[in-house]
Structures are given as C-alpha cells and as structure tokens.
Amino acid sequence: MINLQQRHDGFIRMDRHFPQSASVSITFTDGTTEVITGARINKAYDDALAVFREKNGLDAKGFTRIAKKRVLDNNKIDFVPVHPGMGQ
C-alpha cells in the first residue's frame, strides 16, 4: 500500500503514475483517510497534467510549437489536487 499525505493547500506530491492495481491511502488535512486504486489516482494526475499543459500553451505531449523559443523541461507536474470522496 502506498501512503500519501495531503498538504494544507489541497495537493499531494506525485510525480509519476502508480501501478493500476495498487492501493493508495490518502490522509486528508481534516484527518480522514481514504483508500483508492492506483488507476483512480493516475486519472487525477493525468487530469491535472492536462490542465497544466493547457494553461501553459503546450500540446498533448508537453511541447510548445512556437518556433525559436526555448522551453525548459518544466512540462510536468509534481502536485495533484485531491479531495475526500474522490475514490467513489
């Protein structure tokens, strides 16, 4: 089982996908704990990554298509928003 702790700003630290069948236990800031599947937390990660890329004008693979503009390797995220009840 993978144990994660929600930060006070509502996010968990997650910089990669977890195995689909893994059990992920999230302890929220209000003291509640919820166990969800790796597939569900991976979907939350993918959704947060899509929002990040859209806000920054990146395509689906994380690249900018503007010519002659250097883009740093900051096309990934490290924090995913979570909330109680998201596993249902």
PDB file of N, CA and C in Angstrom:
ATOM      1  N   MET A   1       0.845  -1.176   0.000  1.00  0.00           N
ATOM      2  CA  MET A   1       0.000   0.000   0.000  1.00  0.00           C
ATOM      3  C   MET A   1       0.892   1.241   0.000  1.00  0.00           C
ATOM      4  N   ILE A   2       0.479   2.228  -0.758  1.00  0.00           N
ATOM      5  CA  ILE A   2       1.184   3.499  -0.854  1.00  0.00           C
ATOM      6  C   ILE A   2       0.437   4.501   0.024  1.00  0.00           C
ATOM      7  N   ASN A   3       1.152   5.159   0.923  1.00  0.00           N
ATOM      8  CA  ASN A   3       0.545   6.136   1.829  1.00  0.00           C
ATOM      9  C   ASN A   3       0.943   7.545   1.407  1.00  0.00           C
ATOM     10  N   LEU A   4      -0.039   8.419   1.232  1.00  0.00           N
ATOM     11  CA  LEU A   4       0.199   9.805   0.857  1.00  0.00           C
ATOM     12  C   LEU A   4      -0.488  10.721   1.856  1.00  0.00           C
ATOM     13  N   GLN A   5       0.081  11.903   2.047  1.00  0.00           N
ATOM     14  CA  GLN A   5      -0.451  12.904   2.975  1.00  0.00           C
ATOM     15  C   GLN A   5      -0.820  14.155   2.184  1.00  0.00           C
ATOM     16  N   GLN A   6      -2.049  14.623   2.335  1.00  0.00           N
ATOM     17  CA  GLN A   6      -2.468  15.854   1.667  1.00  0.00           C
ATOM     18  C   GLN A   6      -1.826  17.055   2.349  1.00  0.00           C
ATOM     19  N   ARG A   7      -1.331  17.979   1.540  1.00  0.00           N
ATOM     20  CA  ARG A   7      -0.765  19.215   2.071  1.00  0.00           C
ATOM     21  C   ARG A   7      -1.895  20.183   2.409  1.00  0.00           C
ATOM     22  N   HIS A   8      -1.573  21.230   3.136  1.00  0.00           N
ATOM     23  CA  HIS A   8      -2.589  22.202   3.553  1.00  0.00           C
ATOM     24  C   HIS A   8      -3.201  22.964   2.389  1.00  0.00           C
ATOM     25  N   ASP A   9      -2.518  23.003   1.238  1.00  0.00           N
ATOM     26  CA  ASP A   9      -3.065  23.682   0.074  1.00  0.00           C
ATOM     27  C   ASP A   9      -3.952  22.772  -0.777  1.00  0.00           C
ATOM     28  N   GLY A  10      -4.175  21.518  -0.338  1.00  0.00           N
ATOM     29  CA  GLY A  10      -5.096  20.619  -1.020  1.00  0.00           C
ATOM     30  C   GLY A  10      -4.471  19.676  -2.028  1.00  0.00           C
ATOM     31  N   PHE A  11      -3.143  19.600  -2.065  1.00  0.00           N
ATOM     32  CA  PHE A  11      -2.442  18.780  -3.046  1.00  0.00           C
ATOM     33  C   PHE A  11      -1.680  17.647  -2.377  1.00  0.00           C
ATOM     34  N   ILE A  12      -1.380  16.610  -3.178  1.00  0.00           N
ATOM     35  CA  ILE A  12      -0.451  15.566  -2.759  1.00  0.00           C
ATOM     36  C   ILE A  12       0.744  15.620  -3.698  1.00  0.00           C
ATOM     37  N   ARG A  13       1.874  15.168  -3.235  1.00  0.00           N
ATOM     38  CA  ARG A  13       3.061  15.129  -4.084  1.00  0.00           C
ATOM     39  C   ARG A  13       3.043  13.823  -4.873  1.00  0.00           C
ATOM     40  N   MET A  14       3.058  13.953  -6.192  1.00  0.00           N
ATOM     41  CA  MET A  14       3.012  12.793  -7.078  1.00  0.00           C
ATOM     42  C   MET A  14       3.651  13.189  -8.391  1.00  0.00           C
ATOM     43  N   ASP A  15       4.778  12.599  -8.736  1.00  0.00           N
ATOM     44  CA  ASP A  15       5.468  12.983  -9.964  1.00  0.00           C
ATOM     45  C   ASP A  15       5.511  11.874 -11.009  1.00  0.00           C
ATOM     46  N   ARG A  16       4.747  10.807 -10.775  1.00  0.00           N
ATOM     47  CA  ARG A  16       4.704   9.693 -11.721  1.00  0.00           C
ATOM     48  C   ARG A  16       3.432   8.893 -11.480  1.00  0.00           C
ATOM     49  N   HIS A  17       3.141   7.994 -12.415  1.00  0.00           N
ATOM     50  CA  HIS A  17       1.999   7.089 -12.242  1.00  0.00           C
ATOM     51  C   HIS A  17       2.341   5.986 -11.258  1.00  0.00           C
ATOM     52  N   PHE A  18       1.336   5.513 -10.552  1.00  0.00           N
ATOM     53  CA  PHE A  18       1.458   4.350  -9.684  1.00  0.00           C
ATOM     54  C   PHE A  18       0.903   3.141 -10.436  1.00  0.00           C
ATOM     55  N   PRO A  19       1.228   1.921 -10.017  1.00  0.00           N
ATOM     56  CA  PRO A  19       0.629   0.740 -10.654  1.00  0.00           C
ATOM     57  C   PRO A  19      -0.895   0.799 -10.569  1.00  0.00           C
ATOM     58  N   GLN A  20      -1.557   0.366 -11.632  1.00  0.00           N
ATOM     59  CA  GLN A  20      -3.020   0.448 -11.724  1.00  0.00           C
ATOM     60  C   GLN A  20      -3.727  -0.257 -10.568  1.00  0.00           C
ATOM     61  N   SER A  21      -3.200  -1.392 -10.147  1.00  0.00           N
ATOM     62  CA  SER A  21      -3.885  -2.183  -9.119  1.00  0.00           C
ATOM     63  C   SER A  21      -3.428  -1.864  -7.700  1.00  0.00           C
ATOM     64  N   ALA A  22      -2.539  -0.893  -7.557  1.00  0.00           N
ATOM     65  CA  ALA A  22      -2.019  -0.557  -6.223  1.00  0.00           C
ATOM     66  C   ALA A  22      -3.103   0.102  -5.373  1.00  0.00           C
ATOM     67  N   SER A  23      -3.042  -0.127  -4.089  1.00  0.00           N
ATOM     68  CA  SER A  23      -3.917   0.568  -3.152  1.00  0.00           C
ATOM     69  C   SER A  23      -3.179   1.804  -2.653  1.00  0.00           C
ATOM     70  N   VAL A  24      -3.824   2.953  -2.752  1.00  0.00           N
ATOM     71  CA  VAL A  24      -3.223   4.215  -2.341  1.00  0.00           C
ATOM     72  C   VAL A  24      -4.063   4.788  -1.208  1.00  0.00           C
ATOM     73  N   SER A  25      -3.443   4.982  -0.058  1.00  0.00           N
ATOM     74  CA  SER A  25      -4.115   5.552   1.103  1.00  0.00           C
ATOM     75  C   SER A  25      -3.748   7.027   1.189  1.00  0.00           C
ATOM     76  N   ILE A  26      -4.771   7.884   1.177  1.00  0.00           N
ATOM     77  CA  ILE A  26      -4.550   9.331   1.275  1.00  0.00           C
ATOM     78  C   ILE A  26      -5.112   9.805   2.606  1.00  0.00           C
ATOM     79  N   THR A  27      -4.273  10.461   3.398  1.00  0.00           N
ATOM     80  CA  THR A  27      -4.712  11.084   4.640  1.00  0.00           C
ATOM     81  C   THR A  27      -4.928  12.562   4.353  1.00  0.00           C
ATOM     82  N   PHE A  28      -6.166  13.010   4.520  1.00  0.00           N
ATOM     83  CA  PHE A  28      -6.511  14.388   4.205  1.00  0.00           C
ATOM     84  C   PHE A  28      -6.240  15.293   5.394  1.00  0.00           C
ATOM     85  N   THR A  29      -6.238  16.598   5.155  1.00  0.00           N
ATOM     86  CA  THR A  29      -5.918  17.562   6.205  1.00  0.00           C
ATOM     87  C   THR A  29      -6.972  17.584   7.309  1.00  0.00           C
ATOM     88  N   ASP A  30      -8.188  17.139   7.018  1.00  0.00           N
ATOM     89  CA  ASP A  30      -9.224  17.105   8.056  1.00  0.00           C
ATOM     90  C   ASP A  30      -9.136  15.852   8.924  1.00  0.00           C
ATOM     91  N   GLY A  31      -8.155  14.988   8.661  1.00  0.00           N
ATOM     92  CA  GLY A  31      -7.935  13.805   9.477  1.00  0.00           C
ATOM     93  C   GLY A  31      -8.531  12.531   8.921  1.00  0.00           C
ATOM     94  N   THR A  32      -9.358  12.633   7.893  1.00  0.00           N
ATOM     95  CA  THR A  32      -9.945  11.436   7.301  1.00  0.00           C
ATOM     96  C   THR A  32      -8.933  10.733   6.403  1.00  0.00           C
ATOM     97  N   THR A  33      -9.144   9.445   6.236  1.00  0.00           N
ATOM     98  CA  THR A  33      -8.286   8.645   5.372  1.00  0.00           C
ATOM     99  C   THR A  33      -9.160   7.916   4.370  1.00  0.00           C
ATOM    100  N   GLU A  34      -8.687   7.844   3.149  1.00  0.00           N
ATOM    101  CA  GLU A  34      -9.426   7.155   2.099  1.00  0.00           C
ATOM    102  C   GLU A  34      -8.467   6.291   1.297  1.00  0.00           C
ATOM    103  N   VAL A  35      -8.888   5.089   0.958  1.00  0.00           N
ATOM    104  CA  VAL A  35      -8.083   4.186   0.134  1.00  0.00           C
ATOM    105  C   VAL A  35      -8.700   4.154  -1.250  1.00  0.00           C
ATOM    106  N   ILE A  36      -7.890   4.476  -2.257  1.00  0.00           N
ATOM    107  CA  ILE A  36      -8.354   4.456  -3.641  1.00  0.00           C
ATOM    108  C   ILE A  36      -7.391   3.624  -4.471  1.00  0.00           C
ATOM    109  N   THR A  37      -7.785   3.305  -5.677  1.00  0.00           N
ATOM    110  CA  THR A  37      -6.944   2.479  -6.545  1.00  0.00           C
ATOM    111  C   THR A  37      -5.903   3.338  -7.247  1.00  0.00           C
ATOM    112  N   GLY A  38      -4.864   2.693  -7.702  1.00  0.00           N
ATOM    113  CA  GLY A  38      -3.836   3.382  -8.476  1.00  0.00           C
ATOM    114  C   GLY A  38      -4.404   3.956  -9.759  1.00  0.00           C
ATOM    115  N   ALA A  39      -5.358   3.255 -10.364  1.00  0.00           N
ATOM    116  CA  ALA A  39      -5.973   3.745 -11.597  1.00  0.00           C
ATOM    117  C   ALA A  39      -6.683   5.075 -11.367  1.00  0.00           C
ATOM    118  N   ARG A  40      -7.372   5.226 -10.234  1.00  0.00           N
ATOM    119  CA  ARG A  40      -8.104   6.471  -9.949  1.00  0.00           C
ATOM    120  C   ARG A  40      -7.146   7.630  -9.685  1.00  0.00           C
ATOM    121  N   ILE A  41      -6.093   7.396  -8.939  1.00  0.00           N
ATOM    122  CA  ILE A  41      -5.139   8.476  -8.650  1.00  0.00           C
ATOM    123  C   ILE A  41      -4.344   8.836  -9.911  1.00  0.00           C
ATOM    124  N   ASN A  42      -4.093   7.854 -10.782  1.00  0.00           N
ATOM    125  CA  ASN A  42      -3.424   8.139 -12.050  1.00  0.00           C
ATOM    126  C   ASN A  42      -4.292   9.020 -12.939  1.00  0.00           C
ATOM    127  N   LYS A  43      -5.615   8.797 -12.906  1.00  0.00           N
ATOM    128  CA  LYS A  43      -6.519   9.654 -13.680  1.00  0.00           C
ATOM    129  C   LYS A  43      -6.490  11.080 -13.146  1.00  0.00           C
ATOM    130  N   ALA A  44      -6.448  11.244 -11.834  1.00  0.00           N
ATOM    131  CA  ALA A  44      -6.348  12.584 -11.250  1.00  0.00           C
ATOM    132  C   ALA A  44      -5.048  13.259 -11.675  1.00  0.00           C
ATOM    133  N   TYR A  45      -3.960  12.488 -11.735  1.00  0.00           N
ATOM    134  CA  TYR A  45      -2.668  13.006 -12.187  1.00  0.00           C
ATOM    135  C   TYR A  45      -2.757  13.444 -13.647  1.00  0.00           C
ATOM    136  N   ASP A  46      -3.343  12.605 -14.499  1.00  0.00           N
ATOM    137  CA  ASP A  46      -3.475  12.936 -15.917  1.00  0.00           C
ATOM    138  C   ASP A  46      -4.335  14.176 -16.131  1.00  0.00           C
ATOM    139  N   ASP A  47      -5.412  14.306 -15.356  1.00  0.00           N
ATOM    140  CA  ASP A  47      -6.280  15.483 -15.464  1.00  0.00           C
ATOM    141  C   ASP A  47      -5.535  16.755 -15.055  1.00  0.00           C
ATOM    142  N   ALA A  48      -4.770  16.685 -13.972  1.00  0.00           N
ATOM    143  CA  ALA A  48      -4.001  17.850 -13.521  1.00  0.00           C
ATOM    144  C   ALA A  48      -2.921  18.212 -14.537  1.00  0.00           C
ATOM    145  N   LEU A  49      -2.314  17.203 -15.154  1.00  0.00           N
ATOM    146  CA  LEU A  49      -1.290  17.447 -16.171  1.00  0.00           C
ATOM    147  C   LEU A  49      -1.898  18.107 -17.413  1.00  0.00           C
ATOM    148  N   ALA A  50      -3.088  17.681 -17.812  1.00  0.00           N
ATOM    149  CA  ALA A  50      -3.761  18.283 -18.961  1.00  0.00           C
ATOM    150  C   ALA A  50      -4.095  19.751 -18.701  1.00  0.00           C
ATOM    151  N   VAL A  51      -4.561  20.061 -17.499  1.00  0.00           N
ATOM    152  CA  VAL A  51      -4.863  21.447 -17.143  1.00  0.00           C
ATOM    153  C   VAL A  51      -3.594  22.290 -17.158  1.00  0.00           C
ATOM    154  N   PHE A  52      -2.499  21.757 -16.609  1.00  0.00           N
ATOM    155  CA  PHE A  52      -1.224  22.467 -16.599  1.00  0.00           C
ATOM    156  C   PHE A  52      -0.755  22.764 -18.024  1.00  0.00           C
ATOM    157  N   ARG A  53      -0.817  21.773 -18.900  1.00  0.00           N
ATOM    158  CA  ARG A  53      -0.356  21.961 -20.275  1.00  0.00           C
ATOM    159  C   ARG A  53      -1.239  22.948 -21.027  1.00  0.00           C
ATOM    160  N   GLU A  54      -2.542  22.915 -20.781  1.00  0.00           N
ATOM    161  CA  GLU A  54      -3.435  23.858 -21.441  1.00  0.00           C
ATOM    162  C   GLU A  54      -3.155  25.291 -21.004  1.00  0.00           C
ATOM    163  N   LYS A  55      -2.950  25.501 -19.713  1.00  0.00           N
ATOM    164  CA  LYS A  55      -2.671  26.847 -19.198  1.00  0.00           C
ATOM    165  C   LYS A  55      -1.355  27.400 -19.718  1.00  0.00           C
ATOM    166  N   ASN A  56      -0.413  26.531 -20.028  1.00  0.00           N
ATOM    167  CA  ASN A  56       0.902  26.970 -20.473  1.00  0.00           C
ATOM    168  C   ASN A  56       1.093  26.888 -21.981  1.00  0.00           C
ATOM    169  N   GLY A  57       0.035  26.628 -22.736  1.00  0.00           N
ATOM    170  CA  GLY A  57       0.099  26.622 -24.192  1.00  0.00           C
ATOM    171  C   GLY A  57       0.908  25.478 -24.763  1.00  0.00           C
ATOM    172  N   LEU A  58       0.923  24.342 -24.093  1.00  0.00           N
ATOM    173  CA  LEU A  58       1.671  23.180 -24.567  1.00  0.00           C
ATOM    174  C   LEU A  58       0.721  22.207 -25.251  1.00  0.00           C
ATOM    175  N   ASP A  59       1.265  21.395 -26.159  1.00  0.00           N
ATOM    176  CA  ASP A  59       0.419  20.395 -26.808  1.00  0.00           C
ATOM    177  C   ASP A  59       0.268  19.171 -25.909  1.00  0.00           C
ATOM    178  N   ALA A  60      -0.370  18.129 -26.418  1.00  0.00           N
ATOM    179  CA  ALA A  60      -0.678  16.947 -25.604  1.00  0.00           C
ATOM    180  C   ALA A  60       0.563  16.212 -25.119  1.00  0.00           C
ATOM    181  N   LYS A  61       1.683  16.388 -25.810  1.00  0.00           N
ATOM    182  CA  LYS A  61       2.921  15.728 -25.391  1.00  0.00           C
ATOM    183  C   LYS A  61       3.791  16.638 -24.529  1.00  0.00           C
ATOM    184  N   GLY A  62       3.374  17.861 -24.302  1.00  0.00           N
ATOM    185  CA  GLY A  62       4.116  18.773 -23.444  1.00  0.00           C
ATOM    186  C   GLY A  62       5.094  19.662 -24.170  1.00  0.00           C
ATOM    187  N   PHE A  63       4.945  19.794 -25.491  1.00  0.00           N
ATOM    188  CA  PHE A  63       5.849  20.630 -26.278  1.00  0.00           C
ATOM    189  C   PHE A  63       5.152  21.899 -26.719  1.00  0.00           C
ATOM    190  N   THR A  64       5.908  22.947 -26.859  1.00  0.00           N
ATOM    191  CA  THR A  64       5.382  24.164 -27.444  1.00  0.00           C
ATOM    192  C   THR A  64       5.718  24.135 -28.930  1.00  0.00           C
ATOM    193  N   ARG A  65       4.843  24.662 -29.761  1.00  0.00           N
ATOM    194  CA  ARG A  65       5.047  24.634 -31.209  1.00  0.00           C
ATOM    195  C   ARG A  65       5.428  26.009 -31.754  1.00  0.00           C
ATOM    196  N   ILE A  66       5.839  26.901 -30.882  1.00  0.00           N
ATOM    197  CA  ILE A  66       6.271  28.227 -31.305  1.00  0.00           C
ATOM    198  C   ILE A  66       7.735  28.130 -31.726  1.00  0.00           C
ATOM    199  N   ALA A  67       8.031  28.581 -32.920  1.00  0.00           N
ATOM    200  CA  ALA A  67       9.392  28.469 -33.460  1.00  0.00           C
ATOM    201  C   ALA A  67      10.374  29.357 -32.706  1.00  0.00           C
ATOM    202  N   LYS A  68      11.591  28.867 -32.544  1.00  0.00           N
ATOM    203  CA  LYS A  68      12.726  29.598 -31.978  1.00  0.00           C
ATOM    204  C   LYS A  68      12.475  30.083 -30.553  1.00  0.00           C
ATOM    205  N   LYS A  69      11.731  29.380 -29.805  1.00  0.00           N
ATOM    206  CA  LYS A  69      11.532  29.733 -28.412  1.00  0.00           C
ATOM    207  C   LYS A  69      11.960  28.551 -27.571  1.00  0.00           C
ATOM    208  N   ARG A  70      12.881  28.790 -26.702  1.00  0.00           N
ATOM    209  CA  ARG A  70      13.377  27.716 -25.867  1.00  0.00           C
ATOM    210  C   ARG A  70      12.415  27.456 -24.716  1.00  0.00           C
ATOM    211  N   VAL A  71      12.109  26.198 -24.515  1.00  0.00           N
ATOM    212  CA  VAL A  71      11.226  25.796 -23.437  1.00  0.00           C
ATOM    213  C   VAL A  71      12.018  24.890 -22.514  1.00  0.00           C
ATOM    214  N   LEU A  72      12.008  25.229 -21.248  1.00  0.00           N
ATOM    215  CA  LEU A  72      12.690  24.394 -20.279  1.00  0.00           C
ATOM    216  C   LEU A  72      11.926  23.103 -20.075  1.00  0.00           C
ATOM    217  N   ASP A  73      12.537  22.165 -19.414  1.00  0.00           N
ATOM    218  CA  ASP A  73      11.917  20.863 -19.192  1.00  0.00           C
ATOM    219  C   ASP A  73      10.948  20.914 -18.017  1.00  0.00           C
ATOM    220  N   ASN A  74      10.126  21.931 -17.980  1.00  0.00           N
ATOM    221  CA  ASN A  74       9.146  22.069 -16.904  1.00  0.00           C
ATOM    222  C   ASN A  74       7.750  21.741 -17.402  1.00  0.00           C
ATOM    223  N   ASN A  75       7.645  20.744 -18.265  1.00  0.00           N
ATOM    224  CA  ASN A  75       6.341  20.393 -18.809  1.00  0.00           C
ATOM    225  C   ASN A  75       5.713  19.216 -18.068  1.00  0.00           C
ATOM    226  N   LYS A  76       6.053  19.079 -16.794  1.00  0.00           N
ATOM    227  CA  LYS A  76       5.425  18.060 -15.967  1.00  0.00           C
ATOM    228  C   LYS A  76       5.022  18.683 -14.646  1.00  0.00           C
ATOM    229  N   ILE A  77       4.258  17.943 -13.874  1.00  0.00           N
ATOM    230  CA  ILE A  77       3.786  18.452 -12.593  1.00  0.00           C
ATOM    231  C   ILE A  77       4.291  17.559 -11.474  1.00  0.00           C
ATOM    232  N   ASP A  78       4.303  18.085 -10.272  1.00  0.00           N
ATOM    233  CA  ASP A  78       4.707  17.316  -9.099  1.00  0.00           C
ATOM    234  C   ASP A  78       3.603  17.249  -8.051  1.00  0.00           C
ATOM    235  N   PHE A  79       2.558  18.033  -8.208  1.00  0.00           N
ATOM    236  CA  PHE A  79       1.492  18.091  -7.211  1.00  0.00           C
ATOM    237  C   PHE A  79       0.142  17.882  -7.880  1.00  0.00           C
ATOM    238  N   VAL A  80      -0.712  17.088  -7.237  1.00  0.00           N
ATOM    239  CA  VAL A  80      -2.029  16.753  -7.770  1.00  0.00           C
ATOM    240  C   VAL A  80      -3.090  17.147  -6.744  1.00  0.00           C
ATOM    241  N   PRO A  81      -4.143  17.882  -7.164  1.00  0.00           N
ATOM    242  CA  PRO A  81      -5.207  18.229  -6.217  1.00  0.00           C
ATOM    243  C   PRO A  81      -6.046  17.001  -5.871  1.00  0.00           C
ATOM    244  N   VAL A  82      -6.366  16.850  -4.601  1.00  0.00           N
ATOM    245  CA  VAL A  82      -7.205  15.731  -4.133  1.00  0.00           C
ATOM    246  C   VAL A  82      -8.250  16.258  -3.162  1.00  0.00           C
ATOM    247  N   HIS A  83      -9.314  15.482  -2.985  1.00  0.00           N
ATOM    248  CA  HIS A  83     -10.371  15.849  -2.049  1.00  0.00           C
ATOM    249  C   HIS A  83     -11.025  14.576  -1.528  1.00  0.00           C
ATOM    250  N   PRO A  84     -11.591  14.631  -0.337  1.00  0.00           N
ATOM    251  CA  PRO A  84     -12.279  13.456   0.201  1.00  0.00           C
ATOM    252  C   PRO A  84     -13.429  13.029  -0.707  1.00  0.00           C
ATOM    253  N   GLY A  85     -13.614  11.749  -0.875  1.00  0.00           N
ATOM    254  CA  GLY A  85     -14.686  11.227  -1.713  1.00  0.00           C
ATOM    255  C   GLY A  85     -14.332  11.052  -3.163  1.00  0.00           C
ATOM    256  N   MET A  86     -13.100  11.291  -3.541  1.00  0.00           N
ATOM    257  CA  MET A  86     -12.730  11.198  -4.948  1.00  0.00           C
ATOM    258  C   MET A  86     -12.641   9.758  -5.438  1.00  0.00           C
ATOM    259  N   GLY A  87     -12.592   8.797  -4.555  1.00  0.00           N
ATOM    260  CA  GLY A  87     -12.490   7.401  -4.969  1.00  0.00           C
ATOM    261  C   GLY A  87     -13.828   6.771  -5.319  1.00  0.00           C
ATOM    262  N   GLN A  88     -14.901   7.505  -5.211  1.00  0.00           N
ATOM    263  CA  GLN A  88     -16.229   6.938  -5.458  1.00  0.00           C
ATOM    264  C   GLN A  88     -16.706   7.206  -6.836  1.00  0.00           C
TER     265      GLN A  88
END
